[in-house]
Amino acid sequence: EYTPSQVKQAVVGYGKAEKHQVMEMTRRLLGLAAV
């Protein structure tokens, strides 16, 4: 189980990141064409 802050920290590197930042970094880290 992970808190929203833990997800943001792991994906973006900042625990208070905005939703769009998490989505964009997820796309980039996985090499996806779109979110």
PDB file of all heavy atoms in Angstrom:
ATOM      1  N   GLU A   1       0.835  -1.198   0.000  1.00  0.00           N
ATOM      2  CA  GLU A   1       0.000   0.000   0.000  1.00  0.00           C
ATOM      3  C   GLU A   1       0.871   1.249   0.000  1.00  0.00           C
ATOM      4  O   GLU A   1       1.886   1.300   0.695  1.00  0.00           O
ATOM      5  CB  GLU A   1      -0.905  -0.018   1.227  1.00  0.00           C
ATOM      6  CG  GLU A   1      -1.811  -1.246   1.262  1.00  0.00           C
ATOM      7  CD  GLU A   1      -2.670  -1.304   2.499  1.00  0.00           C
ATOM      8  OE1 GLU A   1      -3.593  -0.478   2.614  1.00  0.00           O
ATOM      9  OE2 GLU A   1      -2.409  -2.177   3.356  1.00  0.00           O
ATOM     10  N   TYR A   2       0.445   2.246  -0.780  1.00  0.00           N
ATOM     11  CA  TYR A   2       1.191   3.491  -0.912  1.00  0.00           C
ATOM     12  C   TYR A   2       0.259   4.686  -0.780  1.00  0.00           C
ATOM     13  O   TYR A   2      -0.861   4.662  -1.293  1.00  0.00           O
ATOM     14  CB  TYR A   2       1.894   3.553  -2.277  1.00  0.00           C
ATOM     15  CG  TYR A   2       2.928   2.466  -2.441  1.00  0.00           C
ATOM     16  CD1 TYR A   2       2.609   1.276  -3.091  1.00  0.00           C
ATOM     17  CD2 TYR A   2       4.204   2.605  -1.910  1.00  0.00           C
ATOM     18  CE1 TYR A   2       3.543   0.261  -3.226  1.00  0.00           C
ATOM     19  CE2 TYR A   2       5.148   1.590  -2.034  1.00  0.00           C
ATOM     20  CZ  TYR A   2       4.812   0.423  -2.696  1.00  0.00           C
ATOM     21  OH  TYR A   2       5.742  -0.582  -2.822  1.00  0.00           O
ATOM     22  N   THR A   3       0.746   5.719  -0.107  1.00  0.00           N
ATOM     23  CA  THR A   3      -0.013   6.965   0.000  1.00  0.00           C
ATOM     24  C   THR A   3       0.147   7.736  -1.306  1.00  0.00           C
ATOM     25  O   THR A   3       1.116   7.515  -2.057  1.00  0.00           O
ATOM     26  CB  THR A   3       0.509   7.836   1.159  1.00  0.00           C
ATOM     27  OG1 THR A   3       1.848   8.260   0.849  1.00  0.00           O
ATOM     28  CG2 THR A   3       0.462   7.103   2.492  1.00  0.00           C
ATOM     29  N   PRO A   4      -0.764   8.672  -1.574  1.00  0.00           N
ATOM     30  CA  PRO A   4      -0.595   9.505  -2.766  1.00  0.00           C
ATOM     31  C   PRO A   4       0.769  10.218  -2.791  1.00  0.00           C
ATOM     32  O   PRO A   4       1.396  10.314  -3.842  1.00  0.00           O
ATOM     33  CB  PRO A   4      -1.751  10.503  -2.660  1.00  0.00           C
ATOM     34  CG  PRO A   4      -2.813   9.748  -1.917  1.00  0.00           C
ATOM     35  CD  PRO A   4      -2.049   8.928  -0.906  1.00  0.00           C
ATOM     36  N   SER A   5       1.242  10.678  -1.640  1.00  0.00           N
ATOM     37  CA  SER A   5       2.549  11.353  -1.578  1.00  0.00           C
ATOM     38  C   SER A   5       3.695  10.414  -1.927  1.00  0.00           C
ATOM     39  O   SER A   5       4.661  10.820  -2.585  1.00  0.00           O
ATOM     40  CB  SER A   5       2.787  11.940  -0.185  1.00  0.00           C
ATOM     41  OG  SER A   5       1.878  12.980   0.061  1.00  0.00           O
ATOM     42  N   GLN A   6       3.599   9.165  -1.504  1.00  0.00           N
ATOM     43  CA  GLN A   6       4.638   8.190  -1.836  1.00  0.00           C
ATOM     44  C   GLN A   6       4.665   7.921  -3.344  1.00  0.00           C
ATOM     45  O   GLN A   6       5.741   7.781  -3.927  1.00  0.00           O
ATOM     46  CB  GLN A   6       4.417   6.879  -1.081  1.00  0.00           C
ATOM     47  CG  GLN A   6       4.733   6.966   0.393  1.00  0.00           C
ATOM     48  CD  GLN A   6       4.350   5.693   1.131  1.00  0.00           C
ATOM     49  OE1 GLN A   6       3.231   5.188   0.985  1.00  0.00           O
ATOM     50  NE2 GLN A   6       5.273   5.175   1.933  1.00  0.00           N
ATOM     51  N   VAL A   7       3.493   7.852  -3.961  1.00  0.00           N
ATOM     52  CA  VAL A   7       3.424   7.630  -5.410  1.00  0.00           C
ATOM     53  C   VAL A   7       4.059   8.816  -6.134  1.00  0.00           C
ATOM     54  O   VAL A   7       4.900   8.645  -7.025  1.00  0.00           O
ATOM     55  CB  VAL A   7       1.966   7.411  -5.876  1.00  0.00           C
ATOM     56  CG1 VAL A   7       1.890   7.327  -7.400  1.00  0.00           C
ATOM     57  CG2 VAL A   7       1.377   6.158  -5.236  1.00  0.00           C
ATOM     58  N   LYS A   8       3.691  10.018  -5.729  1.00  0.00           N
ATOM     59  CA  LYS A   8       4.253  11.223  -6.353  1.00  0.00           C
ATOM     60  C   LYS A   8       5.767  11.277  -6.187  1.00  0.00           C
ATOM     61  O   LYS A   8       6.494  11.609  -7.122  1.00  0.00           O
ATOM     62  CB  LYS A   8       3.604  12.466  -5.751  1.00  0.00           C
ATOM     63  CG  LYS A   8       2.132  12.603  -6.108  1.00  0.00           C
ATOM     64  CD  LYS A   8       1.487  13.740  -5.345  1.00  0.00           C
ATOM     65  CE  LYS A   8       0.003  13.816  -5.649  1.00  0.00           C
ATOM     66  NZ  LYS A   8      -0.657  14.907  -4.919  1.00  0.00           N
ATOM     67  N   GLN A   9       6.249  10.968  -4.987  1.00  0.00           N
ATOM     68  CA  GLN A   9       7.691  10.995  -4.714  1.00  0.00           C
ATOM     69  C   GLN A   9       8.424   9.982  -5.588  1.00  0.00           C
ATOM     70  O   GLN A   9       9.461  10.289  -6.169  1.00  0.00           O
ATOM     71  CB  GLN A   9       7.949  10.698  -3.229  1.00  0.00           C
ATOM     72  CG  GLN A   9       9.416  10.700  -2.839  1.00  0.00           C
ATOM     73  CD  GLN A   9      10.045  12.071  -2.913  1.00  0.00           C
ATOM     74  OE1 GLN A   9       9.425  13.070  -2.547  1.00  0.00           O
ATOM     75  NE2 GLN A   9      11.271  12.132  -3.406  1.00  0.00           N
ATOM     76  N   ALA A  10       7.893   8.772  -5.699  1.00  0.00           N
ATOM     77  CA  ALA A  10       8.554   7.715  -6.464  1.00  0.00           C
ATOM     78  C   ALA A  10       8.558   7.991  -7.962  1.00  0.00           C
ATOM     79  O   ALA A  10       9.531   7.680  -8.656  1.00  0.00           O
ATOM     80  CB  ALA A  10       7.881   6.372  -6.198  1.00  0.00           C
ATOM     81  N   VAL A  11       7.487   8.579  -8.462  1.00  0.00           N
ATOM     82  CA  VAL A  11       7.357   8.783  -9.905  1.00  0.00           C
ATOM     83  C   VAL A  11       7.959  10.112 -10.361  1.00  0.00           C
ATOM     84  O   VAL A  11       8.662  10.174 -11.361  1.00  0.00           O
ATOM     85  CB  VAL A  11       5.876   8.670 -10.345  1.00  0.00           C
ATOM     86  CG1 VAL A  11       5.702   8.998 -11.816  1.00  0.00           C
ATOM     87  CG2 VAL A  11       5.346   7.274 -10.042  1.00  0.00           C
ATOM     88  N   VAL A  12       7.685  11.180  -9.604  1.00  0.00           N
ATOM     89  CA  VAL A  12       8.114  12.521 -10.011  1.00  0.00           C
ATOM     90  C   VAL A  12       9.363  12.975  -9.260  1.00  0.00           C
ATOM     91  O   VAL A  12      10.151  13.763  -9.766  1.00  0.00           O
ATOM     92  CB  VAL A  12       6.964  13.546  -9.816  1.00  0.00           C
ATOM     93  CG1 VAL A  12       7.385  14.951 -10.205  1.00  0.00           C
ATOM     94  CG2 VAL A  12       5.745  13.134 -10.622  1.00  0.00           C
ATOM     95  N   GLY A  13       9.518  12.487  -8.026  1.00  0.00           N
ATOM     96  CA  GLY A  13      10.636  12.939  -7.209  1.00  0.00           C
ATOM     97  C   GLY A  13      10.247  14.053  -6.267  1.00  0.00           C
ATOM     98  O   GLY A  13      11.085  14.636  -5.580  1.00  0.00           O
ATOM     99  N   TYR A  14       8.932  14.342  -6.208  1.00  0.00           N
ATOM    100  CA  TYR A  14       8.418  15.408  -5.354  1.00  0.00           C
ATOM    101  C   TYR A  14       7.057  14.973  -4.835  1.00  0.00           C
ATOM    102  O   TYR A  14       6.134  14.737  -5.619  1.00  0.00           O
ATOM    103  CB  TYR A  14       8.318  16.711  -6.156  1.00  0.00           C
ATOM    104  CG  TYR A  14       7.728  17.884  -5.419  1.00  0.00           C
ATOM    105  CD1 TYR A  14       8.291  18.353  -4.235  1.00  0.00           C
ATOM    106  CD2 TYR A  14       6.600  18.536  -5.915  1.00  0.00           C
ATOM    107  CE1 TYR A  14       7.744  19.435  -3.554  1.00  0.00           C
ATOM    108  CE2 TYR A  14       6.053  19.617  -5.248  1.00  0.00           C
ATOM    109  CZ  TYR A  14       6.628  20.065  -4.071  1.00  0.00           C
ATOM    110  OH  TYR A  14       6.088  21.145  -3.402  1.00  0.00           O
ATOM    111  N   GLY A  15       6.927  14.843  -3.519  1.00  0.00           N
ATOM    112  CA  GLY A  15       5.717  14.320  -2.901  1.00  0.00           C
ATOM    113  C   GLY A  15       4.478  15.178  -3.002  1.00  0.00           C
ATOM    114  O   GLY A  15       3.387  14.725  -2.682  1.00  0.00           O
ATOM    115  N   LYS A  16       4.644  16.419  -3.474  1.00  0.00           N
ATOM    116  CA  LYS A  16       3.477  17.296  -3.639  1.00  0.00           C
ATOM    117  C   LYS A  16       3.259  17.663  -5.107  1.00  0.00           C
ATOM    118  O   LYS A  16       2.654  18.683  -5.422  1.00  0.00           O
ATOM    119  CB  LYS A  16       3.648  18.557  -2.794  1.00  0.00           C
ATOM    120  CG  LYS A  16       3.656  18.249  -1.302  1.00  0.00           C
ATOM    121  CD  LYS A  16       3.731  19.505  -0.469  1.00  0.00           C
ATOM    122  CE  LYS A  16       3.726  19.128   1.009  1.00  0.00           C
ATOM    123  NZ  LYS A  16       3.771  20.292   1.882  1.00  0.00           N
ATOM    124  N   ALA A  17       3.729  16.799  -5.992  1.00  0.00           N
ATOM    125  CA  ALA A  17       3.582  17.037  -7.432  1.00  0.00           C
ATOM    126  C   ALA A  17       2.105  17.085  -7.817  1.00  0.00           C
ATOM    127  O   ALA A  17       1.250  16.505  -7.149  1.00  0.00           O
ATOM    128  CB  ALA A  17       4.286  15.933  -8.216  1.00  0.00           C
ATOM    129  N   GLU A  18       1.831  17.772  -8.898  1.00  0.00           N
ATOM    130  CA  GLU A  18       0.473  17.853  -9.438  1.00  0.00           C
ATOM    131  C   GLU A  18       0.161  16.590 -10.234  1.00  0.00           C
ATOM    132  O   GLU A  18       1.066  15.904 -10.723  1.00  0.00           O
ATOM    133  CB  GLU A  18       0.340  19.072 -10.361  1.00  0.00           C
ATOM    134  CG  GLU A  18       0.589  20.405  -9.686  1.00  0.00           C
ATOM    135  CD  GLU A  18      -0.490  20.774  -8.688  1.00  0.00           C
ATOM    136  OE1 GLU A  18      -1.662  20.417  -8.913  1.00  0.00           O
ATOM    137  OE2 GLU A  18      -0.151  21.418  -7.673  1.00  0.00           O
ATOM    138  N   LYS A  19      -1.125  16.310 -10.363  1.00  0.00           N
ATOM    139  CA  LYS A  19      -1.578  15.100 -11.068  1.00  0.00           C
ATOM    140  C   LYS A  19      -1.007  15.031 -12.491  1.00  0.00           C
ATOM    141  O   LYS A  19      -0.534  13.981 -12.925  1.00  0.00           O
ATOM    142  CB  LYS A  19      -3.106  15.068 -11.094  1.00  0.00           C
ATOM    143  CG  LYS A  19      -3.675  13.784 -11.675  1.00  0.00           C
ATOM    144  CD  LYS A  19      -5.179  13.796 -11.566  1.00  0.00           C
ATOM    145  CE  LYS A  19      -5.800  12.529 -12.046  1.00  0.00           C
ATOM    146  NZ  LYS A  19      -5.814  11.457 -11.071  1.00  0.00           N
ATOM    147  N   HIS A  20      -1.025  16.135 -13.214  1.00  0.00           N
ATOM    148  CA  HIS A  20      -0.538  16.131 -14.600  1.00  0.00           C
ATOM    149  C   HIS A  20       0.960  15.821 -14.658  1.00  0.00           C
ATOM    150  O   HIS A  20       1.434  15.201 -15.612  1.00  0.00           O
ATOM    151  CB  HIS A  20      -0.865  17.441 -15.321  1.00  0.00           C
ATOM    152  CG  HIS A  20      -0.099  18.626 -14.820  1.00  0.00           C
ATOM    153  ND1 HIS A  20       1.126  18.969 -15.322  1.00  0.00           N
ATOM    154  CD2 HIS A  20      -0.388  19.527 -13.855  1.00  0.00           C
ATOM    155  CE1 HIS A  20       1.569  20.047 -14.683  1.00  0.00           C
ATOM    156  NE2 HIS A  20       0.673  20.398 -13.793  1.00  0.00           N
ATOM    157  N   GLN A  21       1.717  16.214 -13.624  1.00  0.00           N
ATOM    158  CA  GLN A  21       3.143  15.907 -13.588  1.00  0.00           C
ATOM    159  C   GLN A  21       3.365  14.403 -13.405  1.00  0.00           C
ATOM    160  O   GLN A  21       4.246  13.817 -14.039  1.00  0.00           O
ATOM    161  CB  GLN A  21       3.823  16.664 -12.442  1.00  0.00           C
ATOM    162  CG  GLN A  21       3.862  18.167 -12.651  1.00  0.00           C
ATOM    163  CD  GLN A  21       4.385  18.878 -11.408  1.00  0.00           C
ATOM    164  OE1 GLN A  21       3.830  18.732 -10.330  1.00  0.00           O
ATOM    165  NE2 GLN A  21       5.448  19.653 -11.574  1.00  0.00           N
ATOM    166  N   VAL A  22       2.559  13.778 -12.547  1.00  0.00           N
ATOM    167  CA  VAL A  22       2.660  12.339 -12.317  1.00  0.00           C
ATOM    168  C   VAL A  22       2.322  11.597 -13.613  1.00  0.00           C
ATOM    169  O   VAL A  22       3.031  10.660 -14.007  1.00  0.00           O
ATOM    170  CB  VAL A  22       1.743  11.880 -11.167  1.00  0.00           C
ATOM    171  CG1 VAL A  22       1.780  10.366 -11.003  1.00  0.00           C
ATOM    172  CG2 VAL A  22       2.121  12.566  -9.867  1.00  0.00           C
ATOM    173  N   MET A  23       1.267  12.018 -14.280  1.00  0.00           N
ATOM    174  CA  MET A  23       0.863  11.352 -15.519  1.00  0.00           C
ATOM    175  C   MET A  23       1.938  11.479 -16.591  1.00  0.00           C
ATOM    176  O   MET A  23       2.255  10.504 -17.281  1.00  0.00           O
ATOM    177  CB  MET A  23      -0.472  11.911 -16.008  1.00  0.00           C
ATOM    178  CG  MET A  23      -1.635  11.516 -15.147  1.00  0.00           C
ATOM    179  SD  MET A  23      -3.160  12.218 -15.826  1.00  0.00           S
ATOM    180  CE  MET A  23      -4.369  11.231 -14.973  1.00  0.00           C
ATOM    181  N   GLU A  24       2.508  12.664 -16.736  1.00  0.00           N
ATOM    182  CA  GLU A  24       3.533  12.884 -17.755  1.00  0.00           C
ATOM    183  C   GLU A  24       4.802  12.093 -17.445  1.00  0.00           C
ATOM    184  O   GLU A  24       5.410  11.492 -18.337  1.00  0.00           O
ATOM    185  CB  GLU A  24       3.846  14.368 -17.893  1.00  0.00           C
ATOM    186  CG  GLU A  24       4.931  14.694 -18.913  1.00  0.00           C
ATOM    187  CD  GLU A  24       4.664  14.204 -20.331  1.00  0.00           C
ATOM    188  OE1 GLU A  24       3.490  13.940 -20.702  1.00  0.00           O
ATOM    189  OE2 GLU A  24       5.639  14.066 -21.097  1.00  0.00           O
ATOM    190  N   MET A  25       5.221  12.064 -16.185  1.00  0.00           N
ATOM    191  CA  MET A  25       6.417  11.292 -15.829  1.00  0.00           C
ATOM    192  C   MET A  25       6.174   9.791 -15.991  1.00  0.00           C
ATOM    193  O   MET A  25       7.080   9.063 -16.406  1.00  0.00           O
ATOM    194  CB  MET A  25       6.865  11.609 -14.405  1.00  0.00           C
ATOM    195  CG  MET A  25       7.655  12.896 -14.293  1.00  0.00           C
ATOM    196  SD  MET A  25       9.114  12.968 -15.373  1.00  0.00           S
ATOM    197  CE  MET A  25      10.136  11.690 -14.646  1.00  0.00           C
ATOM    198  N   THR A  26       4.971   9.343 -15.692  1.00  0.00           N
ATOM    199  CA  THR A  26       4.627   7.930 -15.916  1.00  0.00           C
ATOM    200  C   THR A  26       4.780   7.604 -17.395  1.00  0.00           C
ATOM    201  O   THR A  26       5.388   6.591 -17.760  1.00  0.00           O
ATOM    202  CB  THR A  26       3.189   7.634 -15.436  1.00  0.00           C
ATOM    203  OG1 THR A  26       3.102   7.903 -14.037  1.00  0.00           O
ATOM    204  CG2 THR A  26       2.789   6.206 -15.709  1.00  0.00           C
ATOM    205  N   ARG A  27       4.251   8.466 -18.241  1.00  0.00           N
ATOM    206  CA  ARG A  27       4.359   8.273 -19.691  1.00  0.00           C
ATOM    207  C   ARG A  27       5.828   8.210 -20.117  1.00  0.00           C
ATOM    208  O   ARG A  27       6.244   7.310 -20.846  1.00  0.00           O
ATOM    209  CB  ARG A  27       3.653   9.403 -20.435  1.00  0.00           C
ATOM    210  CG  ARG A  27       3.648   9.211 -21.954  1.00  0.00           C
ATOM    211  CD  ARG A  27       3.247  10.472 -22.695  1.00  0.00           C
ATOM    212  NE  ARG A  27       4.258  11.515 -22.622  1.00  0.00           N
ATOM    213  CZ  ARG A  27       5.414  11.520 -23.314  1.00  0.00           C
ATOM    214  NH1 ARG A  27       5.720  10.514 -24.109  1.00  0.00           N
ATOM    215  NH2 ARG A  27       6.265  12.519 -23.198  1.00  0.00           N
ATOM    216  N   ARG A  28       6.623   9.150 -19.641  1.00  0.00           N
ATOM    217  CA  ARG A  28       8.034   9.216 -20.026  1.00  0.00           C
ATOM    218  C   ARG A  28       8.825   8.002 -19.519  1.00  0.00           C
ATOM    219  O   ARG A  28       9.609   7.422 -20.261  1.00  0.00           O
ATOM    220  CB  ARG A  28       8.671  10.490 -19.469  1.00  0.00           C
ATOM    221  CG  ARG A  28       8.266  11.729 -20.201  1.00  0.00           C
ATOM    222  CD  ARG A  28       9.001  12.919 -19.649  1.00  0.00           C
ATOM    223  NE  ARG A  28       8.540  14.151 -20.267  1.00  0.00           N
ATOM    224  CZ  ARG A  28       9.142  15.311 -20.112  1.00  0.00           C
ATOM    225  NH1 ARG A  28      10.208  15.411 -19.335  1.00  0.00           N
ATOM    226  NH2 ARG A  28       8.668  16.385 -20.709  1.00  0.00           N
ATOM    227  N   LEU A  29       8.631   7.673 -18.243  1.00  0.00           N
ATOM    228  CA  LEU A  29       9.398   6.572 -17.658  1.00  0.00           C
ATOM    229  C   LEU A  29       9.107   5.233 -18.330  1.00  0.00           C
ATOM    230  O   LEU A  29       9.976   4.367 -18.402  1.00  0.00           O
ATOM    231  CB  LEU A  29       9.122   6.473 -16.153  1.00  0.00           C
ATOM    232  CG  LEU A  29       9.707   7.606 -15.309  1.00  0.00           C
ATOM    233  CD1 LEU A  29       9.132   7.576 -13.901  1.00  0.00           C
ATOM    234  CD2 LEU A  29      11.231   7.526 -15.279  1.00  0.00           C
ATOM    235  N   LEU A  30       7.886   5.075 -18.820  1.00  0.00           N
ATOM    236  CA  LEU A  30       7.512   3.824 -19.483  1.00  0.00           C
ATOM    237  C   LEU A  30       7.663   3.893 -21.005  1.00  0.00           C
ATOM    238  O   LEU A  30       7.397   2.914 -21.706  1.00  0.00           O
ATOM    239  CB  LEU A  30       6.078   3.437 -19.104  1.00  0.00           C
ATOM    240  CG  LEU A  30       5.880   3.084 -17.637  1.00  0.00           C
ATOM    241  CD1 LEU A  30       4.402   2.875 -17.323  1.00  0.00           C
ATOM    242  CD2 LEU A  30       6.697   1.859 -17.251  1.00  0.00           C
ATOM    243  N   GLY A  31       8.062   5.061 -21.521  1.00  0.00           N
ATOM    244  CA  GLY A  31       8.258   5.208 -22.959  1.00  0.00           C
ATOM    245  C   GLY A  31       6.977   5.083 -23.761  1.00  0.00           C
ATOM    246  O   GLY A  31       6.978   4.536 -24.862  1.00  0.00           O
ATOM    247  N   LEU A  32       5.878   5.604 -23.215  1.00  0.00           N
ATOM    248  CA  LEU A  32       4.578   5.505 -23.880  1.00  0.00           C
ATOM    249  C   LEU A  32       4.355   6.694 -24.805  1.00  0.00           C
ATOM    250  O   LEU A  32       4.826   7.801 -24.544  1.00  0.00           O
ATOM    251  CB  LEU A  32       3.459   5.453 -22.832  1.00  0.00           C
ATOM    252  CG  LEU A  32       3.566   4.348 -21.782  1.00  0.00           C
ATOM    253  CD1 LEU A  32       2.461   4.507 -20.737  1.00  0.00           C
ATOM    254  CD2 LEU A  32       3.518   2.980 -22.436  1.00  0.00           C
ATOM    255  N   ALA A  33       3.605   6.484 -25.859  1.00  0.00           N
ATOM    256  CA  ALA A  33       3.273   7.563 -26.792  1.00  0.00           C
ATOM    257  C   ALA A  33       2.302   8.562 -26.165  1.00  0.00           C
ATOM    258  O   ALA A  33       2.331   9.745 -26.491  1.00  0.00           O
ATOM    259  CB  ALA A  33       2.676   6.985 -28.074  1.00  0.00           C
ATOM    260  N   ALA A  34       1.432   8.082 -25.285  1.00  0.00           N
ATOM    261  CA  ALA A  34       0.431   8.942 -24.648  1.00  0.00           C
ATOM    262  C   ALA A  34       0.202   8.465 -23.215  1.00  0.00           C
ATOM    263  O   ALA A  34       0.529   7.332 -22.865  1.00  0.00           O
ATOM    264  CB  ALA A  34      -0.888   8.891 -25.422  1.00  0.00           C
ATOM    265  N   VAL A  35      -0.373   9.351 -22.421  1.00  0.00           N
ATOM    266  CA  VAL A  35      -0.743   9.005 -21.051  1.00  0.00           C
ATOM    267  C   VAL A  35      -1.877   7.983 -21.122  1.00  0.00           C
ATOM    268  O   VAL A  35      -2.811   8.149 -21.910  1.00  0.00           O
ATOM    269  CB  VAL A  35      -1.206  10.279 -20.291  1.00  0.00           C
ATOM    270  CG1 VAL A  35      -1.797   9.927 -18.943  1.00  0.00           C
ATOM    271  CG2 VAL A  35      -0.054  11.255 -20.131  1.00  0.00           C
TER     272      VAL A  35
END
